[in-house]
Amino acid sequence: MIFYKNFFALLFVLSFEMLFAQNETTIKTSIYGEVIDRPNSKNLLLVKAFDDARHDKIATIPIIDGEFEYILNSDEILAFELIFEEEFYKGAMMPITFFSENGTLKLKLNDSEKFLENKIEGGKLNHKLNHFNTTIKEEFYDKYKSIEEEYKDIPREQFFSEAYHEVITKLKNAKTQEEKVPVYKEMESLRKSGLDKSELGKEKYAKDKILFDAYLKDKYDYIINNLDEVSFHMVIEDLMGIKYNNVDEALIRNAFKVLKEKFSNHSYTKLGVNLLHALKGLKPGGQYVNFTATDVNGNTFEFKSVLEKNKVVLLDLWATWCGPCIAKTRLVKPIYEKYKNKGFTILGVAGEFKSLDRYHKFMKKEQWEWQQLIELDKQNGIWEKYNVMNGGGGMFLIAGSGEVLAVNPSAEEVDAILKKRL
């Protein structure tokens, strides 16, 4: 009996020590802040960097008499963002980035016009972030402002080509999301081909590009010489925006490779691996990414099994809160009717949050016939795997063999490909 008493006592002690050890790994950041010259600012939204404040908000922090405070607990060192609530709802937000570190963090936040004067004190990583912002980034902004000053008296419309102006007029005249979809496609095509700019626009863009390329060199030299979570955050940030930010993919891949080795168990490593895989494979001629998800009844399905049963599948990642996504889906509905008995189908995945109430209400109205799966609260990481984290979704036309045929194709492009294949 004494043996068993001692054994169970030892188990209790070990369990307590393991629990205590787990709690010790929790990072506790005590945040205290002052808001300067923003009398109309009532709240700050707290969110993890790379998350969506519409759905992933951690807290709403009240600003009382120009001050705020919050205790943040995190499982690892991560970048977080504070967003002024009124800026968020206007759609013109300038997030304030900081890193979770044990200890106290003091912030002084200014009006958006004095954004670069914001102060963050506390923690080694936040000090390094401040240093980067006040040296390399601020030097870039100063030079960029000098270019802007050079062209300040020229109306903005003079930087765009006639073709681009025509498309803008089409967009203004479009009355529904369905009418806007092909116009957005036309705008994207003009931008990719460089036909969106006038001669004056090309002149300014050339100056901006020289400056931006020099900034990127300085930035990635800094990253390679400072292998920490601040640098990792910068690399992931560039990776997520690579479709729009003109950052050289080779710079990102080289820096990520080194950071991945140092931070093998960090969540940024998993995120980066998924995004880079999508960047490489999810293009015409590349290979699809498999995933599993459930339907509304809780039945689990594997994307691979859907591909094996069809000649071509249109993977439609959408959400009830994404108007452009819904418009694109409505436009391909006639294509589905035309080819559904010839080896073609659509697999929809609805990216919803918290509950399926909106989904059920929406589907009752739309009555889409094809199979729908659910990605609730990002539980399967599908948006991450398909590198559409910055938007409501995306479309991928994929052959039964797994080959990617088109990314975000128009209804007309889907029809043309299916006509050839089926």
Protein backbone atom coordinates (compact mmCIF):
# COMPACT_ATOMS: atom_id res chain seq x y z
CA MET A 1 0.00 0.00 0.00
CA ILE A 2 2.83 2.40 0.82
CA PHE A 3 4.27 1.80 -2.66
CA TYR A 4 0.96 2.72 -4.36
CA LYS A 5 0.52 5.81 -2.17
CA ASN A 6 4.02 6.98 -3.06
CA PHE A 7 3.47 6.14 -6.73
CA PHE A 8 0.26 8.16 -7.00
CA ALA A 9 1.81 11.00 -5.01
CA LEU A 10 4.70 11.05 -7.47
CA LEU A 11 2.26 11.07 -10.41
CA PHE A 12 0.44 14.03 -8.86
CA VAL A 13 3.67 15.98 -8.40
CA LEU A 14 4.84 15.23 -11.94
CA SER A 15 1.47 16.23 -13.40
CA PHE A 16 1.54 19.49 -11.41
CA GLU A 17 5.09 20.22 -12.56
CA MET A 18 4.16 19.53 -16.19
CA LEU A 19 1.16 21.86 -15.92
CA PHE A 20 3.35 24.52 -14.29
CA ALA A 21 5.96 24.09 -17.02
CA GLN A 22 3.27 24.56 -19.68
CA ASN A 23 2.08 27.76 -17.98
CA GLU A 24 5.66 28.98 -17.85
CA THR A 25 5.82 28.86 -21.65
CA THR A 26 2.91 31.30 -21.91
CA ILE A 27 4.14 34.75 -22.87
CA LYS A 28 2.47 37.52 -20.89
CA THR A 29 2.62 41.04 -22.30
CA SER A 30 1.19 43.89 -20.23
CA ILE A 31 0.16 46.61 -22.67
CA TYR A 32 -0.26 50.24 -21.61
CA GLY A 33 -0.89 52.95 -24.14
CA GLU A 34 -1.58 56.64 -24.69
CA VAL A 35 -3.57 57.99 -27.64
CA ILE A 36 -2.57 61.48 -28.75
CA ASP A 37 -4.81 63.99 -30.58
CA ARG A 38 -7.50 61.44 -31.46
CA PRO A 39 -10.56 62.60 -29.50
CA ASN A 40 -12.96 60.56 -31.65
CA SER A 41 -11.12 57.26 -31.21
CA LYS A 42 -13.06 55.09 -28.76
CA ASN A 43 -11.66 51.58 -29.24
CA LEU A 44 -8.69 49.61 -30.54
CA LEU A 45 -9.07 46.20 -32.17
CA LEU A 46 -6.43 43.60 -31.30
CA VAL A 47 -5.66 40.90 -33.84
CA LYS A 48 -2.79 38.56 -34.72
CA ALA A 49 -0.78 39.74 -37.70
CA PHE A 50 -2.00 37.95 -40.88
CA ASP A 51 -5.44 37.31 -39.37
CA ASP A 52 -8.61 39.07 -40.52
CA ALA A 53 -9.97 41.63 -38.06
CA ARG A 54 -13.48 41.04 -39.39
CA HIS A 55 -13.53 37.52 -37.97
CA ASP A 56 -10.36 36.85 -35.95
CA LYS A 57 -10.40 39.77 -33.52
CA ILE A 58 -8.88 38.86 -30.15
CA ALA A 59 -10.29 41.82 -28.22
CA THR A 60 -11.82 45.27 -28.45
CA ILE A 61 -9.78 47.48 -26.14
CA PRO A 62 -11.55 50.63 -24.90
CA ILE A 63 -9.74 53.99 -24.95
CA ILE A 64 -10.65 55.89 -21.78
CA ASP A 65 -9.47 59.48 -21.32
CA GLY A 66 -6.84 58.94 -23.99
CA GLU A 67 -5.40 55.78 -22.41
CA PHE A 68 -5.79 52.01 -22.80
CA GLU A 69 -4.45 48.81 -21.28
CA TYR A 70 -4.64 45.08 -21.91
CA ILE A 71 -2.99 41.85 -20.75
CA LEU A 72 -2.04 39.68 -23.73
CA ASN A 73 -1.20 35.99 -23.33
CA SER A 74 0.32 34.06 -26.25
CA ASP A 75 1.87 30.60 -26.70
CA GLU A 76 4.80 31.85 -28.78
CA ILE A 77 6.42 35.10 -29.84
CA LEU A 78 4.20 36.55 -32.56
CA ALA A 79 3.43 39.82 -34.27
CA PHE A 80 0.14 41.42 -33.29
CA GLU A 81 -1.68 44.47 -34.60
CA LEU A 82 -3.69 47.24 -33.02
CA ILE A 83 -6.23 48.89 -35.31
CA PHE A 84 -8.27 51.98 -34.53
CA GLU A 85 -11.88 50.85 -34.77
CA GLU A 86 -13.09 53.86 -36.75
CA GLU A 87 -10.31 53.35 -39.32
CA PHE A 88 -11.26 49.70 -39.66
CA TYR A 89 -14.90 50.47 -40.47
CA LYS A 90 -13.84 53.14 -42.97
CA GLY A 91 -11.65 50.58 -44.72
CA ALA A 92 -8.57 52.82 -44.48
CA MET A 93 -6.73 51.34 -41.52
CA MET A 94 -3.07 51.66 -40.59
CA PRO A 95 -2.32 48.80 -38.16
CA ILE A 96 0.26 49.31 -35.41
CA THR A 97 2.48 46.21 -35.25
CA PHE A 98 4.15 44.93 -32.08
CA PHE A 99 5.57 41.64 -30.78
CA SER A 100 4.44 39.65 -27.77
CA GLU A 101 7.26 39.47 -25.23
CA ASN A 102 7.25 38.87 -21.47
CA GLY A 103 7.08 42.17 -19.67
CA THR A 104 5.53 45.58 -20.14
CA LEU A 105 4.87 47.30 -23.43
CA LYS A 106 4.24 51.06 -23.57
CA LEU A 107 2.77 52.69 -26.66
CA LYS A 108 2.15 56.26 -27.78
CA LEU A 109 -0.20 56.33 -30.76
CA ASN A 110 -0.79 59.37 -32.92
CA ASP A 111 -3.20 60.46 -35.62
CA SER A 112 -2.76 58.61 -38.95
CA GLU A 113 -0.96 61.63 -40.45
CA LYS A 114 1.73 61.20 -37.79
CA PHE A 115 1.83 57.42 -38.03
CA LEU A 116 5.63 57.30 -38.23
CA GLU A 117 5.84 59.15 -34.90
CA ASN A 118 4.16 56.30 -33.01
CA LYS A 119 6.31 55.00 -30.16
CA ILE A 120 6.57 51.42 -28.90
CA GLU A 121 8.78 50.75 -25.88
CA GLY A 122 9.44 47.43 -24.20
CA GLY A 123 11.06 44.19 -25.24
CA LYS A 124 14.10 43.37 -27.33
CA LEU A 125 12.13 42.54 -30.49
CA ASN A 126 10.01 45.68 -30.34
CA HIS A 127 13.21 47.67 -29.97
CA LYS A 128 14.57 46.00 -33.12
CA LEU A 129 11.32 46.65 -34.98
CA ASN A 130 11.53 50.32 -33.99
CA HIS A 131 15.13 50.45 -35.17
CA PHE A 132 14.24 49.01 -38.58
CA ASN A 133 11.27 51.37 -38.95
CA THR A 134 13.23 54.49 -37.99
CA THR A 135 16.23 53.69 -40.19
CA ILE A 136 15.69 51.57 -43.30
CA LYS A 137 11.93 52.05 -43.66
CA GLU A 138 11.90 55.75 -42.77
CA GLU A 139 14.74 56.44 -45.21
CA PHE A 140 12.69 54.75 -47.94
CA TYR A 141 9.58 56.78 -47.05
CA ASP A 142 11.54 60.04 -47.10
CA LYS A 143 12.84 59.31 -50.60
CA TYR A 144 9.40 58.16 -51.73
CA LYS A 145 7.85 61.39 -50.46
CA SER A 146 10.36 63.39 -52.51
CA ILE A 147 9.13 61.61 -55.67
CA GLU A 148 5.53 62.28 -54.67
CA GLU A 149 6.41 65.94 -54.11
CA GLU A 150 7.83 66.11 -57.63
CA TYR A 151 4.47 65.09 -59.11
CA LYS A 152 2.12 66.58 -56.50
CA ASP A 153 0.53 69.18 -58.81
CA ILE A 154 -0.38 66.65 -61.50
CA PRO A 155 -3.95 65.26 -61.31
CA ARG A 156 -3.95 61.55 -60.50
CA GLU A 157 -5.93 60.61 -63.60
CA GLN A 158 -3.08 61.75 -65.84
CA PHE A 159 -0.98 58.79 -64.67
CA PHE A 160 -3.42 56.29 -66.22
CA SER A 161 -3.79 55.25 -69.86
CA GLU A 162 -6.90 55.86 -71.94
CA ALA A 163 -7.63 52.13 -71.88
CA TYR A 164 -7.55 52.13 -68.09
CA HIS A 165 -9.83 55.17 -67.92
CA GLU A 166 -12.33 53.34 -70.11
CA VAL A 167 -12.31 50.40 -67.72
CA ILE A 168 -12.76 52.70 -64.71
CA THR A 169 -15.80 54.19 -66.45
CA LYS A 170 -17.19 50.68 -67.00
CA LEU A 171 -16.71 49.94 -63.30
CA LYS A 172 -18.54 53.12 -62.28
CA ASN A 173 -21.45 52.22 -64.55
CA ALA A 174 -21.68 48.60 -63.36
CA LYS A 175 -24.74 48.20 -61.17
CA THR A 176 -24.27 44.68 -59.80
CA GLN A 177 -21.37 42.56 -58.56
CA GLU A 178 -21.93 40.24 -61.52
CA GLU A 179 -21.37 43.17 -63.90
CA LYS A 180 -18.24 44.22 -62.00
CA VAL A 181 -16.51 40.80 -62.14
CA PRO A 182 -15.41 40.95 -65.81
CA VAL A 183 -14.42 44.60 -65.37
CA TYR A 184 -12.09 43.71 -62.48
CA LYS A 185 -10.62 40.99 -64.70
CA GLU A 186 -9.97 43.57 -67.43
CA MET A 187 -8.33 45.95 -64.93
CA GLU A 188 -6.07 43.16 -63.69
CA SER A 189 -5.07 42.27 -67.24
CA LEU A 190 -4.13 45.89 -68.02
CA ARG A 191 -2.05 46.16 -64.83
CA LYS A 192 -0.18 42.91 -65.49
CA SER A 193 0.71 43.98 -69.02
CA GLY A 194 1.67 47.53 -67.95
CA LEU A 195 -1.02 49.02 -70.17
CA ASP A 196 -2.73 50.75 -67.27
CA LYS A 197 -0.23 53.65 -67.26
CA SER A 198 0.18 56.73 -69.41
CA GLU A 199 3.67 57.81 -70.49
CA LEU A 200 3.78 60.06 -67.43
CA GLY A 201 2.64 57.14 -65.26
CA LYS A 202 5.41 54.95 -66.67
CA GLU A 203 7.96 57.66 -65.92
CA LYS A 204 6.89 57.90 -62.27
CA TYR A 205 6.63 54.12 -61.92
CA ALA A 206 10.23 53.70 -63.17
CA LYS A 207 11.47 56.08 -60.45
CA ASP A 208 9.37 54.34 -57.80
CA LYS A 209 10.68 50.93 -58.86
CA ILE A 210 14.35 51.96 -58.66
CA LEU A 211 13.72 53.26 -55.15
CA PHE A 212 11.69 50.19 -54.10
CA ASP A 213 14.31 47.74 -55.41
CA ALA A 214 16.99 49.54 -53.38
CA TYR A 215 14.76 49.36 -50.31
CA LEU A 216 14.22 45.62 -50.81
CA LYS A 217 17.98 45.04 -51.00
CA ASP A 218 18.50 46.90 -47.71
CA LYS A 219 15.53 45.14 -46.13
CA TYR A 220 16.63 41.61 -47.03
CA ASP A 221 20.24 42.33 -46.10
CA TYR A 222 18.86 43.32 -42.70
CA ILE A 223 16.73 40.15 -42.50
CA ILE A 224 19.62 37.81 -43.31
CA ASN A 225 21.76 39.52 -40.66
CA ASN A 226 18.98 39.49 -38.04
CA LEU A 227 17.39 36.05 -37.92
CA ASP A 228 14.62 36.66 -35.41
CA GLU A 229 10.82 36.80 -35.25
CA VAL A 230 10.78 40.40 -36.52
CA SER A 231 12.53 39.33 -39.71
CA PHE A 232 10.33 36.24 -40.00
CA HIS A 233 7.23 38.43 -39.80
CA MET A 234 8.58 40.66 -42.59
CA VAL A 235 9.20 37.68 -44.86
CA ILE A 236 5.74 36.19 -44.29
CA GLU A 237 4.18 39.61 -44.84
CA ASP A 238 5.92 39.92 -48.21
CA LEU A 239 4.97 36.35 -49.10
CA MET A 240 1.29 36.93 -48.40
CA GLY A 241 1.24 40.05 -50.56
CA ILE A 242 3.46 38.77 -53.38
CA LYS A 243 0.67 39.01 -55.96
CA TYR A 244 0.61 42.78 -55.52
CA ASN A 245 3.85 44.01 -53.92
CA ASN A 246 6.40 43.27 -56.69
CA VAL A 247 8.82 41.60 -54.24
CA ASP A 248 11.25 39.20 -55.93
CA GLU A 249 10.19 35.64 -55.08
CA ALA A 250 13.84 34.54 -54.87
CA LEU A 251 14.48 37.02 -52.04
CA ILE A 252 11.58 35.59 -50.07
CA ARG A 253 12.52 31.94 -50.67
CA ASN A 254 16.17 32.44 -49.71
CA ALA A 255 15.31 34.28 -46.50
CA PHE A 256 12.56 31.81 -45.58
CA LYS A 257 14.90 28.85 -46.02
CA VAL A 258 17.30 30.25 -43.40
CA LEU A 259 14.54 31.31 -40.99
CA LYS A 260 12.81 27.96 -41.33
CA GLU A 261 15.93 26.17 -40.13
CA LYS A 262 16.17 28.38 -37.05
CA PHE A 263 12.45 28.40 -36.21
CA SER A 264 11.42 24.90 -37.29
CA ASN A 265 8.53 24.65 -34.80
CA HIS A 266 7.21 28.20 -35.17
CA SER A 267 3.73 28.78 -36.63
CA TYR A 268 5.27 31.12 -39.22
CA THR A 269 7.21 28.13 -40.58
CA LYS A 270 4.06 26.10 -41.18
CA LEU A 271 2.33 29.12 -42.71
CA GLY A 272 5.28 29.89 -44.98
CA VAL A 273 5.60 26.28 -46.15
CA ASN A 274 1.92 26.22 -47.17
CA LEU A 275 2.07 29.60 -48.90
CA LEU A 276 5.26 28.78 -50.82
CA HIS A 277 3.86 25.42 -51.89
CA ALA A 278 0.74 27.16 -53.20
CA LEU A 279 2.84 29.80 -54.93
CA LYS A 280 4.85 27.15 -56.76
CA GLY A 281 2.16 24.61 -57.54
CA LEU A 282 -1.08 26.53 -57.85
CA LYS A 283 -0.55 27.94 -61.31
CA PRO A 284 -1.39 26.54 -64.75
CA GLY A 285 0.61 23.35 -65.21
CA GLY A 286 1.15 22.91 -61.47
CA GLN A 287 -0.47 20.43 -59.09
CA TYR A 288 -3.46 20.86 -56.79
CA VAL A 289 -3.25 20.71 -52.98
CA ASN A 290 -5.31 18.00 -51.32
CA PHE A 291 -7.47 18.68 -48.24
CA THR A 292 -10.33 17.23 -46.25
CA ALA A 293 -13.41 19.07 -45.02
CA THR A 294 -16.93 18.25 -43.87
CA ASP A 295 -20.32 19.04 -45.32
CA VAL A 296 -23.14 20.61 -43.29
CA ASN A 297 -24.08 17.18 -41.95
CA GLY A 298 -20.61 16.49 -40.60
CA ASN A 299 -19.62 13.97 -43.28
CA THR A 300 -15.92 14.17 -44.19
CA PHE A 301 -14.79 14.39 -47.80
CA GLU A 302 -11.36 14.43 -49.41
CA PHE A 303 -10.79 16.68 -52.41
CA LYS A 304 -8.74 13.93 -54.05
CA SER A 305 -11.80 11.65 -54.20
CA VAL A 306 -13.83 14.34 -55.98
CA LEU A 307 -11.10 14.75 -58.61
CA GLU A 308 -10.91 11.01 -59.19
CA LYS A 309 -14.62 10.89 -60.06
CA ASN A 310 -14.51 13.74 -62.60
CA LYS A 311 -12.58 14.86 -65.67
CA VAL A 312 -12.46 18.51 -64.56
CA VAL A 313 -13.40 20.16 -61.26
CA LEU A 314 -13.82 23.86 -60.50
CA LEU A 315 -12.76 24.35 -56.89
CA ASP A 316 -14.71 27.36 -55.65
CA LEU A 317 -13.49 28.82 -52.36
CA TRP A 318 -16.09 31.39 -51.35
CA ALA A 319 -17.89 32.91 -48.37
CA THR A 320 -21.31 34.37 -47.66
CA TRP A 321 -19.65 37.64 -46.64
CA CYS A 322 -17.65 37.94 -49.91
CA GLY A 323 -19.76 39.72 -52.54
CA PRO A 324 -17.27 39.34 -55.43
CA CYS A 325 -16.91 35.61 -54.67
CA ILE A 326 -20.68 35.10 -54.86
CA ALA A 327 -20.88 37.07 -58.10
CA LYS A 328 -18.18 34.90 -59.71
CA THR A 329 -20.00 31.74 -58.65
CA ARG A 330 -23.31 32.95 -60.05
CA LEU A 331 -21.57 33.61 -63.38
CA VAL A 332 -20.31 30.00 -63.66
CA LYS A 333 -23.68 28.46 -62.82
CA PRO A 334 -24.70 28.27 -66.54
CA ILE A 335 -21.34 26.58 -67.26
CA TYR A 336 -22.16 23.95 -64.65
CA GLU A 337 -25.55 23.29 -66.24
CA LYS A 338 -23.93 23.00 -69.66
CA TYR A 339 -21.21 20.46 -68.70
CA LYS A 340 -22.43 18.71 -65.52
CA ASN A 341 -23.23 15.50 -67.40
CA LYS A 342 -19.95 15.47 -69.34
CA GLY A 343 -17.45 14.88 -66.54
CA PHE A 344 -17.42 18.37 -65.01
CA THR A 345 -18.48 19.50 -61.57
CA ILE A 346 -17.99 22.33 -59.10
CA LEU A 347 -16.82 21.71 -55.55
CA GLY A 348 -17.70 24.63 -53.33
CA VAL A 349 -16.03 25.31 -49.98
CA ALA A 350 -17.69 27.98 -47.86
CA GLY A 351 -15.33 29.83 -45.52
CA GLU A 352 -17.55 30.76 -42.60
CA PHE A 353 -16.97 31.98 -39.05
CA LYS A 354 -18.51 31.13 -35.69
CA SER A 355 -21.72 29.59 -37.07
CA LEU A 356 -23.43 28.43 -40.25
CA ASP A 357 -26.53 30.59 -39.80
CA ARG A 358 -25.65 32.88 -42.71
CA TYR A 359 -24.71 29.91 -44.87
CA HIS A 360 -28.04 28.13 -44.36
CA LYS A 361 -30.00 31.31 -45.05
CA PHE A 362 -27.94 32.02 -48.17
CA MET A 363 -28.17 28.50 -49.62
CA LYS A 364 -31.92 28.41 -49.06
CA LYS A 365 -32.13 31.34 -51.45
CA GLU A 366 -29.43 30.39 -54.00
CA GLN A 367 -30.09 26.63 -54.24
CA TRP A 368 -26.69 25.75 -55.76
CA GLU A 369 -26.85 22.11 -56.84
CA TRP A 370 -23.21 21.07 -56.62
CA GLN A 371 -21.47 19.70 -53.54
CA GLN A 372 -20.61 22.16 -50.79
CA LEU A 373 -18.09 21.65 -47.98
CA ILE A 374 -17.54 23.86 -44.97
CA GLU A 375 -14.36 25.56 -43.72
CA LEU A 376 -15.52 26.85 -40.33
CA ASP A 377 -13.10 29.12 -38.46
CA LYS A 378 -10.17 28.07 -40.68
CA GLN A 379 -10.10 24.63 -39.05
CA ASN A 380 -8.60 22.86 -42.09
CA GLY A 381 -6.28 25.65 -43.27
CA ILE A 382 -7.68 25.50 -46.82
CA TRP A 383 -7.43 29.24 -47.51
CA GLU A 384 -3.83 29.09 -46.32
CA LYS A 385 -3.03 26.08 -48.50
CA TYR A 386 -4.46 27.84 -51.56
CA ASN A 387 -2.81 31.18 -50.74
CA VAL A 388 -6.05 33.19 -50.65
CA MET A 389 -5.77 34.38 -47.05
CA ASN A 390 -5.96 38.03 -48.14
CA GLY A 391 -9.41 37.61 -49.69
CA GLY A 392 -12.74 35.90 -49.40
CA GLY A 393 -11.72 33.08 -51.69
CA GLY A 394 -10.63 32.03 -55.17
CA MET A 395 -11.39 29.70 -58.05
CA PHE A 396 -9.15 26.92 -59.37
CA LEU A 397 -9.95 24.85 -62.45
CA ILE A 398 -8.32 21.45 -61.97
CA ALA A 399 -8.15 18.34 -64.17
CA GLY A 400 -9.01 14.93 -62.76
CA SER A 401 -5.27 14.14 -62.87
CA GLY A 402 -4.64 16.98 -60.40
CA GLU A 403 -3.14 19.39 -62.93
CA VAL A 404 -4.10 23.03 -62.40
CA LEU A 405 -5.66 24.31 -65.63
CA ALA A 406 -6.49 27.90 -64.59
CA VAL A 407 -6.45 30.16 -61.54
CA ASN A 408 -9.36 32.55 -61.01
CA PRO A 409 -10.65 32.03 -64.55
CA SER A 410 -13.61 33.97 -65.90
CA ALA A 411 -16.78 32.09 -66.83
CA GLU A 412 -15.81 32.50 -70.49
CA GLU A 413 -12.35 31.02 -69.85
CA VAL A 414 -13.84 28.03 -68.01
CA ASP A 415 -16.26 27.46 -70.90
CA ALA A 416 -13.43 27.61 -73.47
CA ILE A 417 -11.26 25.08 -71.56
CA LEU A 418 -14.15 22.69 -71.00
CA LYS A 419 -15.14 22.90 -74.66
CA LYS A 420 -11.67 21.65 -75.63
CA ARG A 421 -11.41 18.96 -72.93
CA LEU A 422 -14.93 17.57 -72.81
